[in-house]
Amino acid sequence: MSELPDNIKAIQEHFRPRFEAQTARMEALAAAAFAARLANAKVTHDLPAEEALALFEAHAKGEAHV
């Protein structure tokens, strides 16, 4: 892969703090949304963790009987 020109690198470095700050804000918003969703979750099944993980794994594998 070719090296970027110095002027492009300078622009990237100039905007890097803004991009990193934006990334941090988006991660914080996503974490807050997940926490709110988790706080409002309602337990519908009382499954042991191992059984729940097995169900998720089967679903991820596309097994139809799950």
C-alpha atoms as a PDB file:
ATOM      1  CA  MET A   1       0.000   0.000   0.000  1.00  0.00           C
ATOM      2  CA  SER A   2       1.342   3.404  -0.898  1.00  0.00           C
ATOM      3  CA  GLU A   3       2.221   6.016   1.669  1.00  0.00           C
ATOM      4  CA  LEU A   4      -0.102   9.012   2.019  1.00  0.00           C
ATOM      5  CA  PRO A   5       1.197  12.441   1.029  1.00  0.00           C
ATOM      6  CA  ASP A   6       2.383  14.656   3.874  1.00  0.00           C
ATOM      7  CA  ASN A   7      -0.438  17.175   3.373  1.00  0.00           C
ATOM      8  CA  ILE A   8      -3.055  14.426   3.801  1.00  0.00           C
ATOM      9  CA  LYS A   9      -1.303  13.147   6.922  1.00  0.00           C
ATOM     10  CA  ALA A  10      -1.278  16.703   8.322  1.00  0.00           C
ATOM     11  CA  ILE A  11      -5.007  17.045   7.735  1.00  0.00           C
ATOM     12  CA  GLN A  12      -5.649  13.694   9.426  1.00  0.00           C
ATOM     13  CA  GLU A  13      -3.563  14.732  12.428  1.00  0.00           C
ATOM     14  CA  HIS A  14      -5.332  18.087  12.595  1.00  0.00           C
ATOM     15  CA  PHE A  15      -8.770  16.452  12.791  1.00  0.00           C
ATOM     16  CA  ARG A  16      -7.775  13.379  14.844  1.00  0.00           C
ATOM     17  CA  PRO A  17      -8.748  14.921  18.235  1.00  0.00           C
ATOM     18  CA  ARG A  18     -12.209  15.780  16.893  1.00  0.00           C
ATOM     19  CA  PHE A  19     -12.708  12.299  15.495  1.00  0.00           C
ATOM     20  CA  GLU A  20     -11.531  10.684  18.726  1.00  0.00           C
ATOM     21  CA  ALA A  21     -13.851  12.923  20.763  1.00  0.00           C
ATOM     22  CA  GLN A  22     -16.760  12.063  18.475  1.00  0.00           C
ATOM     23  CA  THR A  23     -15.979   8.361  18.824  1.00  0.00           C
ATOM     24  CA  ALA A  24     -15.919   8.698  22.611  1.00  0.00           C
ATOM     25  CA  ARG A  25     -19.280  10.518  22.587  1.00  0.00           C
ATOM     26  CA  MET A  26     -20.855   7.851  20.376  1.00  0.00           C
ATOM     27  CA  GLU A  27     -19.515   5.071  22.607  1.00  0.00           C
ATOM     28  CA  ALA A  28     -20.916   6.838  25.677  1.00  0.00           C
ATOM     29  CA  LEU A  29     -24.311   7.264  24.003  1.00  0.00           C
ATOM     30  CA  ALA A  30     -24.378   3.612  22.974  1.00  0.00           C
ATOM     31  CA  ALA A  31     -23.442   2.520  26.493  1.00  0.00           C
ATOM     32  CA  ALA A  32     -26.151   4.734  27.995  1.00  0.00           C
ATOM     33  CA  ALA A  33     -28.741   3.399  25.558  1.00  0.00           C
ATOM     34  CA  PHE A  34     -27.758  -0.174  26.365  1.00  0.00           C
ATOM     35  CA  ALA A  35     -27.891   0.532  30.115  1.00  0.00           C
ATOM     36  CA  ALA A  36     -31.346   2.083  29.756  1.00  0.00           C
ATOM     37  CA  ARG A  37     -32.561  -0.872  27.714  1.00  0.00           C
ATOM     38  CA  LEU A  38     -31.131  -3.288  30.251  1.00  0.00           C
ATOM     39  CA  ALA A  39     -32.702  -1.362  33.139  1.00  0.00           C
ATOM     40  CA  ASN A  40     -36.108  -1.582  31.452  1.00  0.00           C
ATOM     41  CA  ALA A  41     -35.784  -5.233  30.456  1.00  0.00           C
ATOM     42  CA  LYS A  42     -38.364  -7.655  31.716  1.00  0.00           C
ATOM     43  CA  VAL A  43     -37.397 -11.211  32.589  1.00  0.00           C
ATOM     44  CA  THR A  44     -39.555 -13.578  30.570  1.00  0.00           C
ATOM     45  CA  HIS A  45     -37.716 -16.848  31.182  1.00  0.00           C
ATOM     46  CA  ASP A  46     -35.865 -18.016  34.231  1.00  0.00           C
ATOM     47  CA  LEU A  47     -33.043 -19.936  32.542  1.00  0.00           C
ATOM     48  CA  PRO A  48     -29.639 -20.867  33.855  1.00  0.00           C
ATOM     49  CA  ALA A  49     -26.876 -18.942  32.062  1.00  0.00           C
ATOM     50  CA  GLU A  50     -25.480 -22.078  30.402  1.00  0.00           C
ATOM     51  CA  GLU A  51     -28.860 -22.946  28.891  1.00  0.00           C
ATOM     52  CA  ALA A  52     -29.436 -19.384  27.689  1.00  0.00           C
ATOM     53  CA  LEU A  53     -25.983 -19.285  26.075  1.00  0.00           C
ATOM     54  CA  ALA A  54     -26.668 -22.611  24.375  1.00  0.00           C
ATOM     55  CA  LEU A  55     -29.894 -21.185  22.936  1.00  0.00           C
ATOM     56  CA  PHE A  56     -28.083 -18.080  21.672  1.00  0.00           C
ATOM     57  CA  GLU A  57     -25.347 -20.208  20.126  1.00  0.00           C
ATOM     58  CA  ALA A  58     -27.891 -22.427  18.394  1.00  0.00           C
ATOM     59  CA  HIS A  59     -29.721 -19.367  17.094  1.00  0.00           C
ATOM     60  CA  ALA A  60     -26.449 -17.879  15.815  1.00  0.00           C
ATOM     61  CA  LYS A  61     -25.731 -21.122  13.974  1.00  0.00           C
ATOM     62  CA  GLY A  62     -29.132 -20.860  12.298  1.00  0.00           C
ATOM     63  CA  GLU A  63     -30.647 -23.958  13.804  1.00  0.00           C
ATOM     64  CA  ALA A  64     -34.355 -23.876  12.982  1.00  0.00           C
ATOM     65  CA  HIS A  65     -35.666 -25.575  16.118  1.00  0.00           C
ATOM     66  CA  VAL A  66     -34.591 -22.723  18.387  1.00  0.00           C
END
